[in-house]
Amino acid sequence: MTFPTNLFIHFMYLMGALNAFVMILFIYWQNSAFLQIALSTIYLATLFGTIYYLYIIGMPVLDEPTPPVPTPIEVVVFTDEGEECDDRLGIHYLCSNTSTTPTDYTFVFTGTAEKSADDCLTTWFEKFQHESKPSWSQTTTVRFTTIDDFKINRDLTYNWALQIAPMGGYDGSNLTITNKYIIAGNADPDKNSVNRKNSDAIIKKFQDEGKLVDISSDHMAMMRFQPKLLKKFQDMPEFMEGIVFYAFKLAIARMRYDHPVAAKGVAEGLVNPKKGRGTNYKSVKMIHEILMKTKSDAYHQGHHLFYSKSAINAAKKAAMKYFMDVYGENIAIPADSHDYLCEINVMLHQLNCIALANTDDIRLNDFRGVDPSKEGLFELHPEVFYSDFDIDNIPKLLQPMWNLFKENQNELIPAFNPVYDLFAAFVLVGEMTGDSERKTVSPDEFIEVICDEF
C-alpha cells in the first residue's frame, strides 16, 4: 500500500531500532531473571507489533516524487463588455474552456461610449458572473480590473494578449507580451475597424516587435449564431436575454451619428455592404424575409400600410437626415449608402406593420399620438432609432417589434448579430495551442470546434 507521506517508513525504522535496542539490553542483563522476563516481554511485543504492521498494512513503499506544477499561461484580455453581448460570450468561453493547461486570465474592462469601465464591471458581477462561474475550469484563474487601474501598474508581463475593445489611448508602455498580441479587427488603419479607435500606439508597439496578429473584420462578421452554439447558453437566462436583445437592437437601431467612429465610415459600412460589413442591412434583410414567410396572415392584414406612400417617404427622409447628421449638411450624401438605409427603414416600417397586426392587445392608434393620419413608423418617429437604449427602456414605438422578435427568436437565429469577440477568443485559444489557422476557418468549422471546447 502506498502512503501519501513517509510517516510509515519512519515508524518502521523506529520499530527496527527498538528491536535491536531491546536485544542488546537482553544480552547485557542476561544474569538477571527479572530483567530477562521484562525485556523478553518488551521484545516479543515489539517483534509481534512489527510483524502485525507488515502483515496488515504491507511493506512500505517510498512515495513517488510529486510532479512539478506546470507554470500557468498568463493572458490579458482588453474588453468593452457592456457594449454588446459577444464580449461576455468570449469571457465565458475562455473561463470555461476544457483545456487542462493552467491558465491565468486578467480581464481589463475599458468601458463603452455610454458607460464607464467601473459601471461595466459592476454590471458583469451583478448580472452575468453568477451564471458563468459554475462552468469555469478548475485549471483557470480569473481576475477582473479596469483600464485605469491597469495603467498605473508597472512592468506587467503576460504571455498572450487579446484586444476586443478600443483602447482609449492606452499605449501599452507598462506592458510586455512574450508571445503574441491579438487584435479583433484589421491592423490596417484604412479598414476602419472599431477596435482600432485610439489604439494606434499600442498596435504599433507590438507590430514593431513582430508580435501582432490581426483578425479580419470581414471574416469575423461571417461568424453568426447557429442553434448548436445558442444551446450552450440556454440555461443562462441573463445571457440569453442579452443575446436576443442585442440581436434585436443592432438590427433595429443605428449607430449614433455623433459616435467617434461614425463619420469615419463605420456608420456607413454597417448599413452598406459595399462600403463595409453591412451587418445592420444583412440582419434586417434576414429578419424581414423570415417573418414575411412565417407571418403571412399578419402581412395580409396590414397590407394597406405596407406600401403607404407617406410612410415610405418618411422612411426615406429619415435615412437622409441620418447621413446629414453624420457627415454634416454641406457634405454630399453617399447615394448608394442612402439607398441601402432607405431599404432598411422601409423594411422596418413593414416589420412594424406585421408586429402591430400580430399583437391583439396593441393597436396602431396607441402609437399615432394626436395625429391619426400618421401611420408609418417613421411618420411617427421622423428619424432613425439610435442604439442608445437598453432592455429596460426600449422606445414605446419599438415595443411591438420587440415582442414579435422574442416570440419568433428560434426562427430568427440566422439573423442574430455576429459573434465577433467570441470568434476572437476562439482564435486566441488556437494561437496558444499552436493552431494559427483558426482565424481563417469557415463559419461551420468554427461552430463545430468551439462547441466542443466549453
Protein backbone atom coordinates (compact mmCIF):
# COMPACT_ATOMS: atom_id res chain seq x y z
CA MET A 1 0.00 0.00 0.00
CA THR A 2 1.40 3.37 -0.97
CA PHE A 3 1.22 6.13 1.62
CA PRO A 4 0.90 9.82 0.86
CA THR A 5 3.78 10.58 3.22
CA ASN A 6 6.86 8.78 4.58
CA LEU A 7 5.45 8.61 8.12
CA PHE A 8 5.03 4.81 7.99
CA ILE A 9 8.63 4.33 6.87
CA HIS A 10 9.80 6.38 9.84
CA PHE A 11 7.69 4.20 12.10
CA MET A 12 9.28 1.02 10.72
CA TYR A 13 12.75 2.44 11.29
CA LEU A 14 11.77 3.16 14.87
CA MET A 15 10.43 -0.38 15.40
CA GLY A 16 13.61 -1.93 13.97
CA ALA A 17 15.81 0.26 16.17
CA LEU A 18 13.72 -0.63 19.22
CA ASN A 19 14.09 -4.35 18.43
CA ALA A 20 17.85 -4.00 18.23
CA PHE A 21 18.00 -1.94 21.41
CA VAL A 22 15.94 -4.47 23.38
CA MET A 23 18.15 -7.34 22.14
CA ILE A 24 21.26 -5.50 23.32
CA LEU A 25 19.72 -4.95 26.75
CA PHE A 26 18.59 -8.55 26.92
CA ILE A 27 22.14 -9.78 26.24
CA TYR A 28 23.66 -7.29 28.67
CA TRP A 29 21.32 -8.15 31.53
CA GLN A 30 21.18 -11.89 30.92
CA ASN A 31 22.22 -12.70 34.55
CA SER A 32 19.05 -11.07 35.95
CA ALA A 33 15.96 -13.32 35.70
CA PHE A 34 13.56 -10.44 36.36
CA LEU A 35 15.09 -8.24 33.70
CA GLN A 36 15.18 -11.17 31.29
CA ILE A 37 11.44 -11.63 31.71
CA ALA A 38 10.72 -7.91 31.37
CA LEU A 39 12.97 -7.45 28.37
CA SER A 40 11.65 -10.61 26.74
CA THR A 41 8.09 -9.28 27.11
CA ILE A 42 9.01 -5.92 25.59
CA TYR A 43 10.99 -7.60 22.83
CA LEU A 44 8.19 -10.03 21.92
CA ALA A 45 5.62 -7.17 21.95
CA THR A 46 7.84 -5.10 19.68
CA LEU A 47 8.54 -8.04 17.39
CA PHE A 48 4.90 -9.06 17.05
CA GLY A 49 3.90 -5.43 16.61
CA THR A 50 6.33 -5.14 13.70
CA ILE A 51 5.08 -8.40 12.17
CA TYR A 52 1.47 -7.23 12.59
CA TYR A 53 2.07 -3.96 10.73
CA LEU A 54 3.96 -5.74 7.95
CA TYR A 55 1.19 -8.31 7.55
CA ILE A 56 -1.82 -5.99 7.82
CA ILE A 57 -0.50 -2.87 6.10
CA GLY A 58 2.19 -4.34 3.88
CA MET A 59 5.72 -3.48 3.03
CA PRO A 60 6.39 0.24 2.96
CA VAL A 61 6.68 1.81 -0.46
CA LEU A 62 8.51 5.03 -0.98
CA ASP A 63 6.29 7.85 -2.21
CA GLU A 64 6.83 8.75 -5.81
CA PRO A 65 8.13 12.29 -6.17
CA THR A 66 5.38 14.86 -6.73
CA PRO A 67 5.50 16.06 -10.35
CA PRO A 68 6.26 19.75 -10.68
CA VAL A 69 3.22 22.02 -11.07
CA PRO A 70 3.26 23.50 -14.60
CA THR A 71 3.62 27.25 -14.78
CA PRO A 72 0.27 28.81 -15.78
CA ILE A 73 -0.07 30.66 -19.06
CA GLU A 74 -0.62 34.36 -18.35
CA VAL A 75 -3.20 36.08 -20.60
CA VAL A 76 -4.58 39.62 -20.58
CA VAL A 77 -7.84 40.47 -22.39
CA PHE A 78 -8.96 44.06 -23.02
CA THR A 79 -12.75 44.11 -23.32
CA ASP A 80 -15.56 46.64 -23.68
CA GLU A 81 -18.05 44.19 -22.17
CA GLY A 82 -21.27 46.14 -21.72
CA GLU A 83 -21.33 47.42 -25.32
CA GLU A 84 -22.56 44.22 -26.98
CA CYS A 85 -23.16 40.65 -25.83
CA ASP A 86 -20.31 38.97 -27.72
CA ASP A 87 -17.67 40.16 -25.23
CA ARG A 88 -19.30 38.29 -22.37
CA LEU A 89 -19.63 35.21 -24.58
CA GLY A 90 -15.89 35.38 -25.15
CA ILE A 91 -15.21 35.75 -21.42
CA HIS A 92 -17.42 32.76 -20.62
CA TYR A 93 -15.78 30.62 -23.31
CA LEU A 94 -12.23 31.38 -22.14
CA CYS A 95 -13.00 30.73 -18.48
CA SER A 96 -14.95 27.55 -19.24
CA ASN A 97 -12.53 26.12 -21.80
CA THR A 98 -11.96 22.38 -21.38
CA SER A 99 -8.18 22.68 -21.79
CA THR A 100 -6.21 21.10 -18.94
CA THR A 101 -3.41 23.66 -19.25
CA PRO A 102 -3.39 26.01 -16.23
CA THR A 103 -4.23 29.50 -17.45
CA ASP A 104 -4.42 32.83 -15.62
CA TYR A 105 -6.75 35.34 -17.28
CA THR A 106 -6.81 39.04 -16.46
CA PHE A 107 -9.84 40.78 -17.99
CA VAL A 108 -9.38 44.53 -18.29
CA PHE A 109 -12.67 46.42 -18.68
CA THR A 110 -12.25 49.53 -20.84
CA GLY A 111 -15.80 50.92 -20.64
CA THR A 112 -18.04 51.88 -23.56
CA ALA A 113 -19.21 55.07 -25.25
CA GLU A 114 -22.09 55.27 -22.76
CA LYS A 115 -20.81 53.51 -19.63
CA SER A 116 -17.65 53.77 -17.54
CA ALA A 117 -15.38 50.79 -17.01
CA ASP A 118 -16.44 50.65 -13.34
CA ASP A 119 -20.13 50.54 -14.31
CA CYS A 120 -19.49 47.80 -16.87
CA LEU A 121 -17.56 45.75 -14.32
CA THR A 122 -20.33 46.19 -11.75
CA THR A 123 -22.92 45.00 -14.27
CA TRP A 124 -20.82 41.94 -15.05
CA PHE A 125 -20.64 40.97 -11.39
CA GLU A 126 -24.31 41.68 -10.70
CA LYS A 127 -25.90 40.12 -13.78
CA PHE A 128 -23.60 37.69 -15.52
CA GLN A 129 -20.79 36.22 -13.40
CA HIS A 130 -23.10 34.09 -11.25
CA GLU A 131 -24.37 32.36 -14.41
CA SER A 132 -20.93 31.89 -15.93
CA LYS A 133 -18.79 30.94 -12.94
CA PRO A 134 -20.22 27.43 -12.25
CA SER A 135 -18.84 26.35 -15.64
CA TRP A 136 -15.34 27.73 -15.15
CA SER A 137 -12.48 25.28 -15.49
CA GLN A 138 -10.61 24.26 -12.33
CA THR A 139 -7.35 24.94 -14.14
CA THR A 140 -8.31 28.55 -14.79
CA THR A 141 -7.61 31.55 -12.58
CA VAL A 142 -9.58 34.71 -13.33
CA ARG A 143 -9.04 38.34 -12.37
CA PHE A 144 -11.01 41.45 -13.31
CA THR A 145 -9.87 45.06 -13.31
CA THR A 146 -10.43 48.36 -15.12
CA ILE A 147 -8.18 50.05 -17.64
CA ASP A 148 -7.45 52.93 -15.24
CA ASP A 149 -6.19 50.56 -12.55
CA PHE A 150 -4.30 48.51 -15.11
CA LYS A 151 -2.43 51.54 -16.46
CA ILE A 152 -0.99 52.57 -13.08
CA ASN A 153 0.83 49.25 -12.61
CA ARG A 154 4.49 48.91 -13.54
CA ASP A 155 6.21 46.31 -15.68
CA LEU A 156 3.31 43.97 -16.38
CA THR A 157 4.26 40.81 -18.27
CA TYR A 158 1.90 38.32 -19.93
CA ASN A 159 2.42 35.53 -22.41
CA TRP A 160 -0.55 36.45 -24.59
CA ALA A 161 -2.89 39.41 -25.10
CA LEU A 162 -6.28 39.79 -26.79
CA GLN A 163 -7.75 43.18 -27.66
CA ILE A 164 -11.51 43.16 -28.27
CA ALA A 165 -12.10 46.83 -27.45
CA PRO A 166 -10.89 50.30 -28.43
CA MET A 167 -8.01 51.17 -26.12
CA GLY A 168 -8.84 54.79 -25.32
CA GLY A 169 -5.29 55.96 -25.98
CA TYR A 170 -3.54 53.42 -23.72
CA ASP A 171 -0.13 52.86 -25.32
CA GLY A 172 1.00 49.68 -23.55
CA SER A 173 4.16 51.30 -22.20
CA ASN A 174 3.96 49.25 -18.99
CA LEU A 175 3.08 46.03 -20.81
CA THR A 176 5.32 43.22 -22.07
CA ILE A 177 3.91 40.35 -24.14
CA THR A 178 6.24 37.39 -24.62
CA ASN A 179 4.30 35.62 -27.40
CA LYS A 180 1.55 37.34 -29.41
CA TYR A 181 -0.73 40.37 -29.17
CA ILE A 182 -4.01 39.61 -30.97
CA ILE A 183 -6.49 42.27 -32.07
CA ALA A 184 -10.05 41.59 -33.16
CA GLY A 185 -10.08 43.63 -36.35
CA ASN A 186 -7.77 44.76 -39.10
CA ALA A 187 -4.47 46.34 -38.13
CA ASP A 188 -4.60 48.40 -41.34
CA PRO A 189 -5.94 51.84 -40.32
CA ASP A 190 -7.64 52.22 -43.70
CA LYS A 191 -10.01 49.36 -42.82
CA ASN A 192 -11.72 51.43 -40.08
CA SER A 193 -12.04 48.58 -37.60
CA VAL A 194 -13.88 49.75 -34.50
CA ASN A 195 -11.23 48.36 -32.15
CA ARG A 196 -8.55 50.48 -33.81
CA LYS A 197 -10.08 53.68 -32.43
CA ASN A 198 -7.49 55.36 -30.17
CA SER A 199 -5.38 52.18 -30.36
CA ASP A 200 -2.66 53.30 -32.77
CA ALA A 201 0.13 53.46 -30.19
CA ILE A 202 -0.32 50.01 -28.68
CA ILE A 203 -0.87 48.39 -32.09
CA LYS A 204 2.31 49.99 -33.42
CA LYS A 205 4.25 48.86 -30.33
CA PHE A 206 3.51 45.18 -30.88
CA GLN A 207 3.61 45.44 -34.65
CA ASP A 208 7.16 46.79 -34.39
CA GLU A 209 8.03 43.90 -32.06
CA GLY A 210 6.73 41.40 -34.62
CA LYS A 211 4.10 40.10 -32.19
CA LEU A 212 0.88 41.48 -33.66
CA VAL A 213 -1.81 39.14 -35.01
CA ASP A 214 -4.89 40.79 -36.51
CA ILE A 215 -8.19 39.12 -37.40
CA SER A 216 -10.09 40.28 -40.47
CA SER A 217 -13.22 42.22 -39.53
CA ASP A 218 -14.96 40.98 -42.67
CA HIS A 219 -14.23 37.36 -41.73
CA MET A 220 -15.41 37.85 -38.14
CA ALA A 221 -18.69 39.27 -39.48
CA MET A 222 -19.40 35.86 -41.04
CA MET A 223 -19.47 34.15 -37.64
CA ARG A 224 -23.09 34.14 -36.55
CA PHE A 225 -25.13 32.10 -34.12
CA GLN A 226 -26.34 28.67 -35.06
CA PRO A 227 -28.71 26.59 -32.90
CA LYS A 228 -25.87 24.36 -31.66
CA LEU A 229 -23.95 27.36 -30.33
CA LEU A 230 -27.02 29.09 -28.91
CA LYS A 231 -27.87 25.92 -26.99
CA LYS A 232 -24.71 26.42 -24.93
CA PHE A 233 -26.40 29.39 -23.24
CA GLN A 234 -29.97 28.07 -22.90
CA ASP A 235 -29.61 27.55 -19.14
CA MET A 236 -28.21 31.05 -18.61
CA PRO A 237 -31.27 33.39 -18.69
CA GLU A 238 -29.37 36.66 -18.31
CA PHE A 239 -27.01 35.66 -21.11
CA MET A 240 -29.90 34.52 -23.33
CA GLU A 241 -31.91 37.68 -22.79
CA GLY A 242 -28.85 39.74 -23.68
CA ILE A 243 -28.21 37.70 -26.82
CA VAL A 244 -31.78 38.11 -28.07
CA PHE A 245 -32.00 41.78 -27.10
CA TYR A 246 -28.72 42.80 -28.74
CA ALA A 247 -29.69 40.91 -31.88
CA PHE A 248 -32.87 42.97 -31.94
CA LYS A 249 -31.23 46.29 -31.09
CA LEU A 250 -28.36 46.07 -33.55
CA ALA A 251 -30.78 45.25 -36.35
CA ILE A 252 -33.43 47.84 -35.49
CA ALA A 253 -31.25 50.74 -34.30
CA ARG A 254 -28.34 52.61 -35.87
CA MET A 255 -25.00 53.76 -34.57
CA ARG A 256 -25.39 57.26 -33.19
CA TYR A 257 -24.43 59.96 -35.66
CA ASP A 258 -22.05 61.51 -33.12
CA HIS A 259 -20.26 58.26 -32.26
CA PRO A 260 -16.49 58.86 -32.51
CA VAL A 261 -16.10 56.49 -35.47
CA ALA A 262 -19.44 57.18 -37.21
CA ALA A 263 -18.10 59.82 -39.59
CA LYS A 264 -15.02 57.70 -40.38
CA GLY A 265 -17.08 55.34 -42.49
CA VAL A 266 -18.15 52.87 -39.80
CA ALA A 267 -21.79 54.03 -39.64
CA GLU A 268 -21.97 53.87 -43.42
CA GLY A 269 -20.28 50.46 -43.54
CA LEU A 270 -22.81 48.96 -41.14
CA VAL A 271 -25.73 49.73 -43.47
CA ASN A 272 -23.97 49.41 -46.81
CA PRO A 273 -22.39 46.00 -47.62
CA LYS A 274 -20.47 47.67 -50.47
CA LYS A 275 -18.71 50.05 -48.07
CA GLY A 276 -18.22 47.74 -45.11
CA ARG A 277 -19.59 44.61 -43.50
CA GLY A 278 -23.19 45.73 -43.92
CA THR A 279 -24.10 43.92 -40.71
CA ASN A 280 -27.20 46.00 -39.98
CA TYR A 281 -28.51 45.64 -43.52
CA LYS A 282 -27.96 41.88 -43.63
CA SER A 283 -29.67 41.35 -40.26
CA VAL A 284 -32.75 43.41 -41.14
CA LYS A 285 -32.96 41.74 -44.54
CA MET A 286 -32.94 38.26 -42.97
CA ILE A 287 -35.49 39.21 -40.31
CA HIS A 288 -37.76 40.69 -42.97
CA GLU A 289 -37.52 37.63 -45.23
CA ILE A 290 -38.16 35.18 -42.39
CA LEU A 291 -41.16 37.00 -40.92
CA MET A 292 -42.71 37.74 -44.30
CA LYS A 293 -42.93 33.98 -44.74
CA THR A 294 -43.91 32.93 -41.24
CA LYS A 295 -46.34 35.81 -40.61
CA SER A 296 -48.17 35.90 -43.93
CA ASP A 297 -51.55 36.36 -42.20
CA ALA A 298 -50.29 39.45 -40.43
CA TYR A 299 -48.86 40.67 -43.73
CA HIS A 300 -52.23 40.44 -45.47
CA GLN A 301 -53.94 42.12 -42.53
CA GLY A 302 -51.58 45.10 -42.64
CA HIS A 303 -51.04 45.11 -46.39
CA HIS A 304 -52.63 48.52 -46.91
CA LEU A 305 -49.97 50.07 -44.69
CA PHE A 306 -47.02 48.24 -46.22
CA TYR A 307 -46.83 50.42 -49.29
CA SER A 308 -48.28 53.64 -47.96
CA LYS A 309 -46.58 56.43 -49.93
CA SER A 310 -46.44 58.76 -46.98
CA ALA A 311 -44.93 56.03 -44.76
CA ILE A 312 -42.27 55.13 -47.34
CA ASN A 313 -41.42 58.79 -47.97
CA ALA A 314 -40.99 59.30 -44.24
CA ALA A 315 -38.63 56.29 -44.12
CA LYS A 316 -36.52 57.81 -46.89
CA LYS A 317 -36.42 61.23 -45.23
CA ALA A 318 -35.22 59.58 -42.00
CA ALA A 319 -32.36 57.97 -43.96
CA MET A 320 -31.37 61.31 -45.46
CA LYS A 321 -31.46 63.03 -42.08
CA TYR A 322 -29.21 60.35 -40.60
CA PHE A 323 -26.40 60.85 -43.08
CA MET A 324 -26.73 64.63 -42.89
CA ASP A 325 -26.28 64.32 -39.11
CA VAL A 326 -23.28 62.01 -39.57
CA TYR A 327 -21.40 63.99 -42.23
CA GLY A 328 -22.87 67.47 -41.96
CA GLU A 329 -25.41 69.30 -44.11
CA ASN A 330 -22.82 70.63 -46.56
CA ILE A 331 -21.32 67.24 -47.40
CA ALA A 332 -22.63 65.22 -50.33
CA ILE A 333 -24.61 62.23 -49.10
CA PRO A 334 -23.27 58.90 -50.50
CA ALA A 335 -26.06 57.80 -52.81
CA ASP A 336 -25.68 54.02 -52.53
CA SER A 337 -25.44 54.12 -48.73
CA HIS A 338 -28.53 56.33 -48.62
CA ASP A 339 -30.37 53.80 -50.81
CA TYR A 340 -29.41 50.92 -48.52
CA LEU A 341 -30.59 52.78 -45.43
CA CYS A 342 -33.84 53.69 -47.21
CA GLU A 343 -34.37 49.99 -47.86
CA ILE A 344 -33.63 49.18 -44.21
CA ASN A 345 -36.11 51.79 -43.00
CA VAL A 346 -38.85 50.59 -45.36
CA MET A 347 -38.32 47.01 -44.15
CA LEU A 348 -38.53 48.19 -40.53
CA HIS A 349 -41.77 50.01 -41.30
CA GLN A 350 -43.20 46.81 -42.78
CA LEU A 351 -41.98 44.71 -39.85
CA ASN A 352 -43.73 47.16 -37.56
CA CYS A 353 -46.94 46.65 -39.54
CA ILE A 354 -46.61 42.87 -39.06
CA ALA A 355 -45.93 43.36 -35.36
CA LEU A 356 -49.00 45.53 -34.86
CA ALA A 357 -51.24 43.18 -36.83
CA ASN A 358 -49.82 40.21 -34.91
CA THR A 359 -50.49 41.60 -31.45
CA ASP A 360 -54.02 41.53 -30.07
CA ASP A 361 -53.57 43.94 -27.19
CA ILE A 362 -51.74 46.66 -29.15
CA ARG A 363 -53.50 48.78 -31.73
CA LEU A 364 -51.98 51.17 -34.20
CA ASN A 365 -53.98 54.03 -32.66
CA ASP A 366 -51.90 53.64 -29.50
CA PHE A 367 -48.91 54.88 -31.47
CA ARG A 368 -50.47 57.54 -33.67
CA GLY A 369 -50.48 60.20 -31.00
CA VAL A 370 -52.66 63.20 -31.71
CA ASP A 371 -52.48 62.86 -35.50
CA PRO A 372 -54.40 59.77 -36.71
CA SER A 373 -53.22 60.34 -40.29
CA LYS A 374 -49.69 59.25 -39.39
CA GLU A 375 -49.50 55.52 -39.83
CA GLY A 376 -45.91 54.72 -40.75
CA LEU A 377 -43.15 54.05 -38.23
CA PHE A 378 -41.05 56.96 -39.47
CA GLU A 379 -44.05 59.27 -39.75
CA LEU A 380 -44.42 58.83 -36.02
CA HIS A 381 -40.65 58.99 -35.43
CA PRO A 382 -39.06 61.08 -38.21
CA GLU A 383 -35.51 59.83 -37.73
CA VAL A 384 -33.74 56.52 -37.28
CA PHE A 385 -33.70 54.87 -33.88
CA TYR A 386 -30.32 55.00 -32.16
CA SER A 387 -28.75 52.15 -30.27
CA ASP A 388 -28.50 54.09 -27.00
CA PHE A 389 -31.34 52.27 -25.22
CA ASP A 390 -31.19 49.10 -23.16
CA ILE A 391 -33.67 46.35 -22.39
CA ASP A 392 -35.29 48.35 -19.59
CA ASN A 393 -36.10 51.43 -21.69
CA ILE A 394 -36.98 50.22 -25.20
CA PRO A 395 -38.79 53.05 -27.04
CA LYS A 396 -42.56 52.60 -26.95
CA LEU A 397 -42.80 52.59 -30.73
CA LEU A 398 -40.44 49.62 -30.88
CA GLN A 399 -42.23 47.52 -28.26
CA PRO A 400 -44.46 45.69 -30.79
CA MET A 401 -41.43 44.68 -32.86
CA TRP A 402 -39.54 43.62 -29.72
CA ASN A 403 -42.44 41.37 -28.73
CA LEU A 404 -42.58 39.95 -32.26
CA PHE A 405 -38.83 39.32 -32.20
CA LYS A 406 -38.98 37.49 -28.85
CA GLU A 407 -41.90 35.34 -29.94
CA ASN A 408 -40.08 34.23 -33.08
CA GLN A 409 -36.50 34.13 -31.79
CA ASN A 410 -35.91 30.49 -32.72
CA GLU A 411 -36.75 31.18 -36.37
CA LEU A 412 -34.67 34.37 -36.31
CA ILE A 413 -31.39 32.81 -35.08
CA PRO A 414 -29.71 33.23 -38.50
CA ALA A 415 -30.33 36.98 -38.20
CA PHE A 416 -28.68 37.31 -34.79
CA ASN A 417 -25.72 39.65 -34.86
CA PRO A 418 -22.24 38.19 -35.47
CA VAL A 419 -20.25 36.86 -32.52
CA TYR A 420 -17.13 38.87 -33.33
CA ASP A 421 -15.43 38.70 -29.95
CA LEU A 422 -16.33 35.09 -29.26
CA PHE A 423 -14.57 34.25 -32.51
CA ALA A 424 -11.58 36.37 -31.45
CA ALA A 425 -11.37 34.40 -28.19
CA PHE A 426 -11.53 31.21 -30.25
CA VAL A 427 -8.57 32.43 -32.32
CA LEU A 428 -6.64 33.25 -29.13
CA VAL A 429 -7.06 29.69 -27.81
CA GLY A 430 -5.88 28.38 -31.16
CA GLU A 431 -2.75 30.55 -31.09
CA MET A 432 -1.97 29.39 -27.54
CA THR A 433 -2.25 25.74 -28.59
CA GLY A 434 -0.23 26.11 -31.78
CA ASP A 435 -3.14 26.32 -34.22
CA SER A 436 -2.55 29.58 -36.08
CA GLU A 437 -5.05 28.74 -38.84
CA ARG A 438 -8.16 29.40 -36.79
CA LYS A 439 -8.61 32.98 -37.92
CA THR A 440 -9.49 31.74 -41.42
CA VAL A 441 -11.83 28.83 -40.62
CA SER A 442 -15.32 28.74 -42.12
CA PRO A 443 -18.41 29.53 -40.02
CA ASP A 444 -19.42 25.85 -39.91
CA GLU A 445 -15.94 24.77 -38.80
CA PHE A 446 -15.98 27.45 -36.12
CA ILE A 447 -19.29 26.20 -34.69
CA GLU A 448 -18.25 22.54 -34.74
CA VAL A 449 -14.93 23.12 -32.98
CA ILE A 450 -15.89 25.76 -30.43
CA CYS A 451 -18.94 23.85 -29.19
CA ASP A 452 -16.62 21.01 -28.13
CA GLU A 453 -14.30 23.34 -26.22
CA PHE A 454 -16.52 24.66 -23.46
